[in-house]
């Protein structure tokens, strides 16, 4: 996609912004079509997941096209708002829409098997490991704001596009690695994911405070202060949702273990050998 501030017409008299809208519309249309196909096969798809997908696609598109994307080249505050939408809010919404699950339910046998093999591949295991995903996502933010890369992306449209695309993909991998709903053969344990989430939250907060105290070159102090505060509060809001989702998964897993233990104990009591004399030995029975 092309940032919205790039004026001029494309071939055939169609504006560049309309061309940039095409993948957004295609992404929404493909997902909605998959839900319709599933419904026709008698497998209804939750409506709220479709809403998550549409909202996530639109949130991600805001960093590439539209007034916010245009303002992001002039204002650090607008840039930070676009970054939060593209790198944090959009990935969370897209992960909650469970696109891989929908694809596996909709695709024919051979494409579904290929997708399943891709999810089980060693490369997928590396990219979706929480530490790797956090390094790509949070580490990428440190590289952007503590090196000349931010100034370069403000001056070069292609670099801007690649940086925003990186944060969209890295944010998706990070969120999927921590709280993904889709099947993940390489899913790490809850303790590992919890440690990575807390560490990432701390690294994100430290970076926001550094931006407040030491703005990137060329960014006025007043804009840096507002942008850093937006990064801190907006990032905390998304991280809070991640914490809630991870704790909910932890709670469900603990409940399943407790139910499994109770079932095993109950089964063992039912099959306990009878005591001498022909009667089963029961808890509290007299000798």
C-alpha atoms as a PDB file:
ATOM      1  CA  UNK A   1       0.000   0.000   0.000  1.00  0.00           C
ATOM      2  CA  UNK A   2       1.045   3.606  -0.637  1.00  0.00           C
ATOM      3  CA  UNK A   3       0.863   6.315   2.026  1.00  0.00           C
ATOM      4  CA  UNK A   4      -2.059   8.617   1.457  1.00  0.00           C
ATOM      5  CA  UNK A   5       0.043  11.772   1.246  1.00  0.00           C
ATOM      6  CA  UNK A   6       1.523  10.612  -2.053  1.00  0.00           C
ATOM      7  CA  UNK A   7      -0.445  12.720  -4.526  1.00  0.00           C
ATOM      8  CA  UNK A   8      -0.842  12.130  -8.204  1.00  0.00           C
ATOM      9  CA  UNK A   9      -2.753   9.794 -10.405  1.00  0.00           C
ATOM     10  CA  UNK A  10      -1.847   6.259 -11.295  1.00  0.00           C
ATOM     11  CA  UNK A  11      -2.149   4.765 -14.744  1.00  0.00           C
ATOM     12  CA  UNK A  12      -5.617   4.861 -16.235  1.00  0.00           C
ATOM     13  CA  UNK A  13      -6.536   7.950 -14.214  1.00  0.00           C
ATOM     14  CA  UNK A  14      -7.117   5.938 -11.031  1.00  0.00           C
ATOM     15  CA  UNK A  15      -5.677   7.669  -7.980  1.00  0.00           C
ATOM     16  CA  UNK A  16      -2.940   6.010  -5.962  1.00  0.00           C
ATOM     17  CA  UNK A  17      -5.140   6.065  -2.872  1.00  0.00           C
ATOM     18  CA  UNK A  18      -7.836   4.035  -4.604  1.00  0.00           C
ATOM     19  CA  UNK A  19      -5.192   1.520  -5.629  1.00  0.00           C
ATOM     20  CA  UNK A  20      -3.989   1.398  -2.025  1.00  0.00           C
ATOM     21  CA  UNK A  21      -7.545   0.652  -0.887  1.00  0.00           C
ATOM     22  CA  UNK A  22      -7.714  -2.444  -3.080  1.00  0.00           C
ATOM     23  CA  UNK A  23      -5.849  -4.874  -0.751  1.00  0.00           C
ATOM     24  CA  UNK A  24      -7.930  -3.588   2.179  1.00  0.00           C
ATOM     25  CA  UNK A  25     -11.168  -4.358   0.372  1.00  0.00           C
ATOM     26  CA  UNK A  26      -9.845  -7.709  -0.841  1.00  0.00           C
ATOM     27  CA  UNK A  27      -8.828  -8.739   2.696  1.00  0.00           C
ATOM     28  CA  UNK A  28     -12.287  -7.943   4.033  1.00  0.00           C
ATOM     29  CA  UNK A  29     -14.073  -9.558   1.088  1.00  0.00           C
ATOM     30  CA  UNK A  30     -12.052 -12.802   1.322  1.00  0.00           C
ATOM     31  CA  UNK A  31     -12.727 -13.178   5.047  1.00  0.00           C
ATOM     32  CA  UNK A  32     -16.452 -12.432   4.720  1.00  0.00           C
ATOM     33  CA  UNK A  33     -16.708 -14.830   1.761  1.00  0.00           C
ATOM     34  CA  UNK A  34     -15.093 -17.569   3.848  1.00  0.00           C
ATOM     35  CA  UNK A  35     -17.674 -17.070   6.598  1.00  0.00           C
ATOM     36  CA  UNK A  36     -20.490 -17.309   4.035  1.00  0.00           C
ATOM     37  CA  UNK A  37     -19.041 -20.530   2.593  1.00  0.00           C
ATOM     38  CA  UNK A  38     -18.797 -21.964   6.091  1.00  0.00           C
ATOM     39  CA  UNK A  39     -22.410 -21.055   6.824  1.00  0.00           C
ATOM     40  CA  UNK A  40     -23.541 -22.741   3.618  1.00  0.00           C
ATOM     41  CA  UNK A  41     -21.749 -25.883   4.781  1.00  0.00           C
ATOM     42  CA  UNK A  42     -23.603 -25.761   8.084  1.00  0.00           C
ATOM     43  CA  UNK A  43     -20.654 -24.416  10.113  1.00  0.00           C
ATOM     44  CA  UNK A  44     -21.578 -20.933  11.229  1.00  0.00           C
ATOM     45  CA  UNK A  45     -18.729 -18.576  12.120  1.00  0.00           C
ATOM     46  CA  UNK A  46     -19.050 -16.226  15.153  1.00  0.00           C
ATOM     47  CA  UNK A  47     -20.114 -12.783  13.974  1.00  0.00           C
ATOM     48  CA  UNK A  48     -17.857 -11.007  16.462  1.00  0.00           C
ATOM     49  CA  UNK A  49     -14.754 -12.571  14.913  1.00  0.00           C
ATOM     50  CA  UNK A  50     -15.784 -11.084  11.579  1.00  0.00           C
ATOM     51  CA  UNK A  51     -16.110  -7.702  13.302  1.00  0.00           C
ATOM     52  CA  UNK A  52     -12.627  -8.141  14.792  1.00  0.00           C
ATOM     53  CA  UNK A  53     -11.224  -8.839  11.316  1.00  0.00           C
ATOM     54  CA  UNK A  54     -12.861  -5.828   9.687  1.00  0.00           C
ATOM     55  CA  UNK A  55     -11.792  -3.531  12.536  1.00  0.00           C
ATOM     56  CA  UNK A  56      -8.252  -4.935  12.454  1.00  0.00           C
ATOM     57  CA  UNK A  57      -7.876  -4.478   8.707  1.00  0.00           C
ATOM     58  CA  UNK A  58      -9.160  -0.903   8.910  1.00  0.00           C
ATOM     59  CA  UNK A  59      -6.900  -0.112  11.876  1.00  0.00           C
ATOM     60  CA  UNK A  60      -3.883  -1.454   9.984  1.00  0.00           C
ATOM     61  CA  UNK A  61      -4.844   0.459   6.840  1.00  0.00           C
ATOM     62  CA  UNK A  62      -4.940   3.723   8.807  1.00  0.00           C
ATOM     63  CA  UNK A  63      -1.158   3.700   8.968  1.00  0.00           C
ATOM     64  CA  UNK A  64      -0.809   3.480   5.177  1.00  0.00           C
ATOM     65  CA  UNK A  65      -3.673   5.478   3.688  1.00  0.00           C
ATOM     66  CA  UNK A  66      -5.971   8.246   4.811  1.00  0.00           C
ATOM     67  CA  UNK A  67      -5.525  11.461   6.811  1.00  0.00           C
ATOM     68  CA  UNK A  68      -3.692   9.881   9.744  1.00  0.00           C
ATOM     69  CA  UNK A  69      -1.051   8.344   7.467  1.00  0.00           C
ATOM     70  CA  UNK A  70      -0.574  11.722   5.764  1.00  0.00           C
ATOM     71  CA  UNK A  71      -0.306  13.580   9.076  1.00  0.00           C
ATOM     72  CA  UNK A  72       2.205  11.025  10.393  1.00  0.00           C
ATOM     73  CA  UNK A  73       4.843  12.513   8.066  1.00  0.00           C
ATOM     74  CA  UNK A  74       4.450  15.934   9.651  1.00  0.00           C
ATOM     75  CA  UNK A  75       3.552  15.245  13.278  1.00  0.00           C
ATOM     76  CA  UNK A  76       5.239  12.910  15.759  1.00  0.00           C
ATOM     77  CA  UNK A  77       1.953  12.619  17.653  1.00  0.00           C
ATOM     78  CA  UNK A  78       0.132  11.464  14.510  1.00  0.00           C
ATOM     79  CA  UNK A  79       3.008   9.096  13.756  1.00  0.00           C
ATOM     80  CA  UNK A  80       2.697   7.571  17.214  1.00  0.00           C
ATOM     81  CA  UNK A  81      -1.071   7.184  16.836  1.00  0.00           C
ATOM     82  CA  UNK A  82      -0.535   5.416  13.505  1.00  0.00           C
ATOM     83  CA  UNK A  83       2.144   3.218  15.054  1.00  0.00           C
ATOM     84  CA  UNK A  84      -0.196   2.166  17.896  1.00  0.00           C
ATOM     85  CA  UNK A  85      -2.940   1.314  15.426  1.00  0.00           C
ATOM     86  CA  UNK A  86      -0.699  -0.591  13.003  1.00  0.00           C
ATOM     87  CA  UNK A  87       1.685  -2.267  15.457  1.00  0.00           C
ATOM     88  CA  UNK A  88      -0.562  -2.994  18.443  1.00  0.00           C
ATOM     89  CA  UNK A  89      -4.321  -2.532  17.960  1.00  0.00           C
ATOM     90  CA  UNK A  90      -4.576  -4.052  14.469  1.00  0.00           C
ATOM     91  CA  UNK A  91      -2.539  -7.191  15.313  1.00  0.00           C
ATOM     92  CA  UNK A  92      -4.636  -7.815  18.420  1.00  0.00           C
ATOM     93  CA  UNK A  93      -7.892  -7.511  16.480  1.00  0.00           C
ATOM     94  CA  UNK A  94      -6.599  -9.689  13.637  1.00  0.00           C
ATOM     95  CA  UNK A  95      -5.425 -12.413  16.013  1.00  0.00           C
ATOM     96  CA  UNK A  96      -8.801 -12.395  17.801  1.00  0.00           C
ATOM     97  CA  UNK A  97     -10.497 -12.934  14.429  1.00  0.00           C
ATOM     98  CA  UNK A  98      -8.770 -16.362  14.157  1.00  0.00           C
ATOM     99  CA  UNK A  99      -8.090 -16.229  10.388  1.00  0.00           C
ATOM    100  CA  UNK A 100      -6.119 -19.490  10.288  1.00  0.00           C
ATOM    101  CA  UNK A 101      -8.943 -21.415  11.927  1.00  0.00           C
ATOM    102  CA  UNK A 102     -11.405 -19.965   9.435  1.00  0.00           C
ATOM    103  CA  UNK A 103      -9.090 -20.850   6.549  1.00  0.00           C
ATOM    104  CA  UNK A 104      -8.650 -24.444   7.740  1.00  0.00           C
ATOM    105  CA  UNK A 105     -12.427 -24.812   7.992  1.00  0.00           C
ATOM    106  CA  UNK A 106     -13.096 -23.295   4.574  1.00  0.00           C
ATOM    107  CA  UNK A 107     -10.299 -24.468   2.285  1.00  0.00           C
ATOM    108  CA  UNK A 108     -10.484 -27.715   0.385  1.00  0.00           C
ATOM    109  CA  UNK A 109      -8.425 -30.670   1.599  1.00  0.00           C
ATOM    110  CA  UNK A 110      -5.153 -30.066  -0.262  1.00  0.00           C
ATOM    111  CA  UNK A 111      -4.791 -26.318   0.478  1.00  0.00           C
ATOM    112  CA  UNK A 112      -5.786 -26.943   4.107  1.00  0.00           C
ATOM    113  CA  UNK A 113      -3.080 -29.596   4.394  1.00  0.00           C
ATOM    114  CA  UNK A 114      -0.488 -27.218   2.927  1.00  0.00           C
ATOM    115  CA  UNK A 115      -1.487 -24.532   5.424  1.00  0.00           C
ATOM    116  CA  UNK A 116      -1.293 -27.070   8.244  1.00  0.00           C
ATOM    117  CA  UNK A 117       2.208 -28.119   7.144  1.00  0.00           C
ATOM    118  CA  UNK A 118       3.234 -24.459   7.064  1.00  0.00           C
ATOM    119  CA  UNK A 119       2.012 -23.942  10.628  1.00  0.00           C
ATOM    120  CA  UNK A 120       3.990 -27.010  11.733  1.00  0.00           C
ATOM    121  CA  UNK A 121       7.176 -26.019   9.885  1.00  0.00           C
ATOM    122  CA  UNK A 122      10.413 -25.235  11.766  1.00  0.00           C
ATOM    123  CA  UNK A 123      10.370 -21.678  10.406  1.00  0.00           C
ATOM    124  CA  UNK A 124       6.917 -21.099  11.893  1.00  0.00           C
ATOM    125  CA  UNK A 125       8.213 -22.492  15.171  1.00  0.00           C
ATOM    126  CA  UNK A 126      11.087 -20.001  15.219  1.00  0.00           C
ATOM    127  CA  UNK A 127       9.040 -16.955  14.191  1.00  0.00           C
ATOM    128  CA  UNK A 128       6.242 -17.663  16.661  1.00  0.00           C
ATOM    129  CA  UNK A 129       8.501 -18.323  19.626  1.00  0.00           C
ATOM    130  CA  UNK A 130       7.653 -15.602  22.172  1.00  0.00           C
ATOM    131  CA  UNK A 131      11.250 -14.424  22.557  1.00  0.00           C
ATOM    132  CA  UNK A 132      11.823 -14.158  18.798  1.00  0.00           C
ATOM    133  CA  UNK A 133       8.465 -12.460  18.226  1.00  0.00           C
ATOM    134  CA  UNK A 134       9.132  -9.978  21.041  1.00  0.00           C
ATOM    135  CA  UNK A 135      12.584  -9.211  19.646  1.00  0.00           C
ATOM    136  CA  UNK A 136      11.094  -8.472  16.224  1.00  0.00           C
ATOM    137  CA  UNK A 137       8.296  -6.355  17.654  1.00  0.00           C
ATOM    138  CA  UNK A 138       9.599  -4.504  20.714  1.00  0.00           C
ATOM    139  CA  UNK A 139      13.208  -4.670  19.543  1.00  0.00           C
ATOM    140  CA  UNK A 140      12.117  -3.140  16.253  1.00  0.00           C
ATOM    141  CA  UNK A 141      10.662  -0.164  18.114  1.00  0.00           C
ATOM    142  CA  UNK A 142      13.956   0.439  19.888  1.00  0.00           C
ATOM    143  CA  UNK A 143      15.787   0.322  16.560  1.00  0.00           C
ATOM    144  CA  UNK A 144      13.300   2.742  14.994  1.00  0.00           C
ATOM    145  CA  UNK A 145      13.391   5.403  17.699  1.00  0.00           C
ATOM    146  CA  UNK A 146      16.978   5.134  18.957  1.00  0.00           C
ATOM    147  CA  UNK A 147      18.693   5.123  15.541  1.00  0.00           C
ATOM    148  CA  UNK A 148      18.498   7.385  12.451  1.00  0.00           C
ATOM    149  CA  UNK A 149      15.839   5.049  11.020  1.00  0.00           C
ATOM    150  CA  UNK A 150      12.966   7.280  12.178  1.00  0.00           C
ATOM    151  CA  UNK A 151      14.362  10.302  10.348  1.00  0.00           C
ATOM    152  CA  UNK A 152      14.954   8.176   7.258  1.00  0.00           C
ATOM    153  CA  UNK A 153      11.400   6.823   7.195  1.00  0.00           C
ATOM    154  CA  UNK A 154      10.064  10.379   7.403  1.00  0.00           C
ATOM    155  CA  UNK A 155      12.019  11.336   4.293  1.00  0.00           C
ATOM    156  CA  UNK A 156      11.719   8.178   2.210  1.00  0.00           C
ATOM    157  CA  UNK A 157       8.302   6.810   1.260  1.00  0.00           C
ATOM    158  CA  UNK A 158       9.549   3.282   0.576  1.00  0.00           C
ATOM    159  CA  UNK A 159      11.296   3.077   3.943  1.00  0.00           C
ATOM    160  CA  UNK A 160       8.126   4.359   5.604  1.00  0.00           C
ATOM    161  CA  UNK A 161       6.106   1.630   3.902  1.00  0.00           C
ATOM    162  CA  UNK A 162       8.551  -1.115   4.882  1.00  0.00           C
ATOM    163  CA  UNK A 163       8.771   0.027   8.507  1.00  0.00           C
ATOM    164  CA  UNK A 164       4.995   0.155   8.936  1.00  0.00           C
ATOM    165  CA  UNK A 165       4.616  -3.216   7.222  1.00  0.00           C
ATOM    166  CA  UNK A 166       7.242  -4.661   9.557  1.00  0.00           C
ATOM    167  CA  UNK A 167       5.361  -3.478  12.624  1.00  0.00           C
ATOM    168  CA  UNK A 168       2.076  -4.873  11.339  1.00  0.00           C
ATOM    169  CA  UNK A 169       3.592  -8.314  10.698  1.00  0.00           C
ATOM    170  CA  UNK A 170       5.812  -8.324  13.792  1.00  0.00           C
ATOM    171  CA  UNK A 171       2.907  -7.183  15.938  1.00  0.00           C
ATOM    172  CA  UNK A 172       0.769 -10.015  14.572  1.00  0.00           C
ATOM    173  CA  UNK A 173       3.481 -12.615  15.254  1.00  0.00           C
ATOM    174  CA  UNK A 174       3.994 -11.250  18.768  1.00  0.00           C
ATOM    175  CA  UNK A 175       0.291 -11.277  19.628  1.00  0.00           C
ATOM    176  CA  UNK A 176      -0.220 -14.693  18.036  1.00  0.00           C
ATOM    177  CA  UNK A 177       2.736 -16.107  19.990  1.00  0.00           C
ATOM    178  CA  UNK A 178       1.317 -14.853  23.298  1.00  0.00           C
ATOM    179  CA  UNK A 179      -2.467 -15.185  23.082  1.00  0.00           C
ATOM    180  CA  UNK A 180      -3.222 -16.683  19.672  1.00  0.00           C
ATOM    181  CA  UNK A 181      -6.559 -18.417  19.208  1.00  0.00           C
ATOM    182  CA  UNK A 182      -5.560 -20.137  15.986  1.00  0.00           C
ATOM    183  CA  UNK A 183      -3.903 -23.566  16.191  1.00  0.00           C
ATOM    184  CA  UNK A 184      -0.204 -23.371  16.953  1.00  0.00           C
ATOM    185  CA  UNK A 185       1.767 -26.627  17.042  1.00  0.00           C
ATOM    186  CA  UNK A 186       4.729 -24.724  18.499  1.00  0.00           C
ATOM    187  CA  UNK A 187       2.850 -22.920  21.284  1.00  0.00           C
ATOM    188  CA  UNK A 188       5.113 -22.143  24.243  1.00  0.00           C
ATOM    189  CA  UNK A 189       4.090 -22.722  27.833  1.00  0.00           C
ATOM    190  CA  UNK A 190       2.107 -20.206  29.833  1.00  0.00           C
ATOM    191  CA  UNK A 191       5.030 -19.357  32.106  1.00  0.00           C
ATOM    192  CA  UNK A 192       7.285 -18.527  29.162  1.00  0.00           C
ATOM    193  CA  UNK A 193       4.610 -16.381  27.527  1.00  0.00           C
ATOM    194  CA  UNK A 194       3.878 -14.599  30.797  1.00  0.00           C
ATOM    195  CA  UNK A 195       7.540 -13.742  31.365  1.00  0.00           C
ATOM    196  CA  UNK A 196       7.911 -12.448  27.800  1.00  0.00           C
ATOM    197  CA  UNK A 197       4.758 -10.336  28.090  1.00  0.00           C
ATOM    198  CA  UNK A 198       5.860  -8.690  31.337  1.00  0.00           C
ATOM    199  CA  UNK A 199       9.369  -8.097  29.964  1.00  0.00           C
ATOM    200  CA  UNK A 200       7.981  -6.593  26.762  1.00  0.00           C
ATOM    201  CA  UNK A 201       5.668  -4.323  28.729  1.00  0.00           C
ATOM    202  CA  UNK A 202       8.631  -3.066  30.738  1.00  0.00           C
ATOM    203  CA  UNK A 203      10.766  -2.508  27.625  1.00  0.00           C
ATOM    204  CA  UNK A 204       7.909  -0.629  25.945  1.00  0.00           C
ATOM    205  CA  UNK A 205       7.459   1.617  28.986  1.00  0.00           C
ATOM    206  CA  UNK A 206      11.175   2.370  29.255  1.00  0.00           C
ATOM    207  CA  UNK A 207      11.319   3.323  25.587  1.00  0.00           C
ATOM    208  CA  UNK A 208       8.353   5.687  26.005  1.00  0.00           C
ATOM    209  CA  UNK A 209      10.118   7.417  28.895  1.00  0.00           C
ATOM    210  CA  UNK A 210      13.336   7.706  26.876  1.00  0.00           C
ATOM    211  CA  UNK A 211      11.406   9.318  24.023  1.00  0.00           C
ATOM    212  CA  UNK A 212       9.929  11.794  26.497  1.00  0.00           C
ATOM    213  CA  UNK A 213      13.368  12.727  27.819  1.00  0.00           C
ATOM    214  CA  UNK A 214      15.347  12.400  24.578  1.00  0.00           C
ATOM    215  CA  UNK A 215      13.188  12.992  21.466  1.00  0.00           C
ATOM    216  CA  UNK A 216      14.304  11.684  18.059  1.00  0.00           C
ATOM    217  CA  UNK A 217      16.293  14.203  15.986  1.00  0.00           C
ATOM    218  CA  UNK A 218      14.102  16.892  14.476  1.00  0.00           C
ATOM    219  CA  UNK A 219      11.105  16.232  16.763  1.00  0.00           C
ATOM    220  CA  UNK A 220      10.093  19.238  18.919  1.00  0.00           C
ATOM    221  CA  UNK A 221      10.086  18.556  22.649  1.00  0.00           C
ATOM    222  CA  UNK A 222       6.394  19.366  23.027  1.00  0.00           C
ATOM    223  CA  UNK A 223       5.430  16.869  20.316  1.00  0.00           C
ATOM    224  CA  UNK A 224       7.788  14.279  21.761  1.00  0.00           C
ATOM    225  CA  UNK A 225       6.191  14.642  25.188  1.00  0.00           C
ATOM    226  CA  UNK A 226       2.662  14.162  23.858  1.00  0.00           C
ATOM    227  CA  UNK A 227       3.736  11.332  21.548  1.00  0.00           C
ATOM    228  CA  UNK A 228       5.606   9.543  24.340  1.00  0.00           C
ATOM    229  CA  UNK A 229       2.622   9.842  26.657  1.00  0.00           C
ATOM    230  CA  UNK A 230       0.371   8.460  23.933  1.00  0.00           C
ATOM    231  CA  UNK A 231       2.770   5.583  23.389  1.00  0.00           C
ATOM    232  CA  UNK A 232       2.868   4.838  27.123  1.00  0.00           C
ATOM    233  CA  UNK A 233      -0.885   4.974  27.796  1.00  0.00           C
ATOM    234  CA  UNK A 234      -2.000   3.472  24.486  1.00  0.00           C
ATOM    235  CA  UNK A 235       0.537   0.680  24.737  1.00  0.00           C
ATOM    236  CA  UNK A 236      -0.528  -0.068  28.306  1.00  0.00           C
ATOM    237  CA  UNK A 237      -4.163  -0.322  27.189  1.00  0.00           C
ATOM    238  CA  UNK A 238      -3.348  -2.958  24.579  1.00  0.00           C
ATOM    239  CA  UNK A 239      -0.974  -4.754  26.947  1.00  0.00           C
ATOM    240  CA  UNK A 240      -3.737  -4.858  29.571  1.00  0.00           C
ATOM    241  CA  UNK A 241      -5.957  -6.731  27.104  1.00  0.00           C
ATOM    242  CA  UNK A 242      -3.098  -9.161  26.414  1.00  0.00           C
ATOM    243  CA  UNK A 243      -2.657  -9.734  30.148  1.00  0.00           C
ATOM    244  CA  UNK A 244      -6.381 -10.414  30.584  1.00  0.00           C
ATOM    245  CA  UNK A 245      -6.400 -12.875  27.679  1.00  0.00           C
ATOM    246  CA  UNK A 246      -3.309 -14.695  28.950  1.00  0.00           C
ATOM    247  CA  UNK A 247      -4.691 -14.892  32.494  1.00  0.00           C
ATOM    248  CA  UNK A 248      -8.005 -16.201  31.149  1.00  0.00           C
ATOM    249  CA  UNK A 249      -6.141 -18.940  29.278  1.00  0.00           C
ATOM    250  CA  UNK A 250      -4.176 -19.735  32.423  1.00  0.00           C
ATOM    251  CA  UNK A 251      -7.414 -19.940  34.413  1.00  0.00           C
ATOM    252  CA  UNK A 252      -9.034 -22.277  31.873  1.00  0.00           C
ATOM    253  CA  UNK A 253      -5.960 -24.506  31.774  1.00  0.00           C
ATOM    254  CA  UNK A 254      -5.880 -24.706  35.588  1.00  0.00           C
ATOM    255  CA  UNK A 255      -9.588 -25.542  35.630  1.00  0.00           C
ATOM    256  CA  UNK A 256      -9.085 -28.340  33.118  1.00  0.00           C
ATOM    257  CA  UNK A 257      -6.270 -29.802  35.204  1.00  0.00           C
ATOM    258  CA  UNK A 258      -8.380 -29.657  38.361  1.00  0.00           C
ATOM    259  CA  UNK A 259     -11.326 -31.320  36.613  1.00  0.00           C
ATOM    260  CA  UNK A 260      -9.029 -34.021  35.211  1.00  0.00           C
ATOM    261  CA  UNK A 261      -7.590 -34.653  38.690  1.00  0.00           C
ATOM    262  CA  UNK A 262     -11.044 -34.821  40.261  1.00  0.00           C
ATOM    263  CA  UNK A 263     -12.207 -37.234  37.562  1.00  0.00           C
ATOM    264  CA  UNK A 264      -9.170 -39.481  38.130  1.00  0.00           C
ATOM    265  CA  UNK A 265      -9.719 -39.526  41.882  1.00  0.00           C
ATOM    266  CA  UNK A 266     -13.399 -40.305  41.443  1.00  0.00           C
ATOM    267  CA  UNK A 267     -12.630 -43.129  39.018  1.00  0.00           C
ATOM    268  CA  UNK A 268     -10.021 -44.558  41.389  1.00  0.00           C
ATOM    269  CA  UNK A 269     -12.522 -44.530  44.249  1.00  0.00           C
ATOM    270  CA  UNK A 270     -15.121 -46.326  42.122  1.00  0.00           C
ATOM    271  CA  UNK A 271     -12.668 -49.070  41.174  1.00  0.00           C
ATOM    272  CA  UNK A 272     -11.068 -49.484  44.609  1.00  0.00           C
ATOM    273  CA  UNK A 273     -10.886 -53.189  45.558  1.00  0.00           C
ATOM    274  CA  UNK A 274     -13.436 -54.450  48.047  1.00  0.00           C
ATOM    275  CA  UNK A 275     -12.291 -54.860  51.653  1.00  0.00           C
ATOM    276  CA  UNK A 276     -12.132 -58.344  53.256  1.00  0.00           C
ATOM    277  CA  UNK A 277     -15.624 -59.528  54.076  1.00  0.00           C
ATOM    278  CA  UNK A 278     -17.101 -58.610  50.700  1.00  0.00           C
ATOM    279  CA  UNK A 279     -17.855 -54.897  51.275  1.00  0.00           C
ATOM    280  CA  UNK A 280     -16.051 -51.981  49.601  1.00  0.00           C
ATOM    281  CA  UNK A 281     -13.836 -49.966  51.863  1.00  0.00           C
ATOM    282  CA  UNK A 282     -15.280 -46.469  52.070  1.00  0.00           C
ATOM    283  CA  UNK A 283     -13.853 -43.317  53.558  1.00  0.00           C
ATOM    284  CA  UNK A 284     -14.731 -43.087  57.228  1.00  0.00           C
ATOM    285  CA  UNK A 285     -15.887 -46.718  57.520  1.00  0.00           C
ATOM    286  CA  UNK A 286     -15.282 -48.395  60.867  1.00  0.00           C
ATOM    287  CA  UNK A 287     -12.620 -51.086  61.106  1.00  0.00           C
END
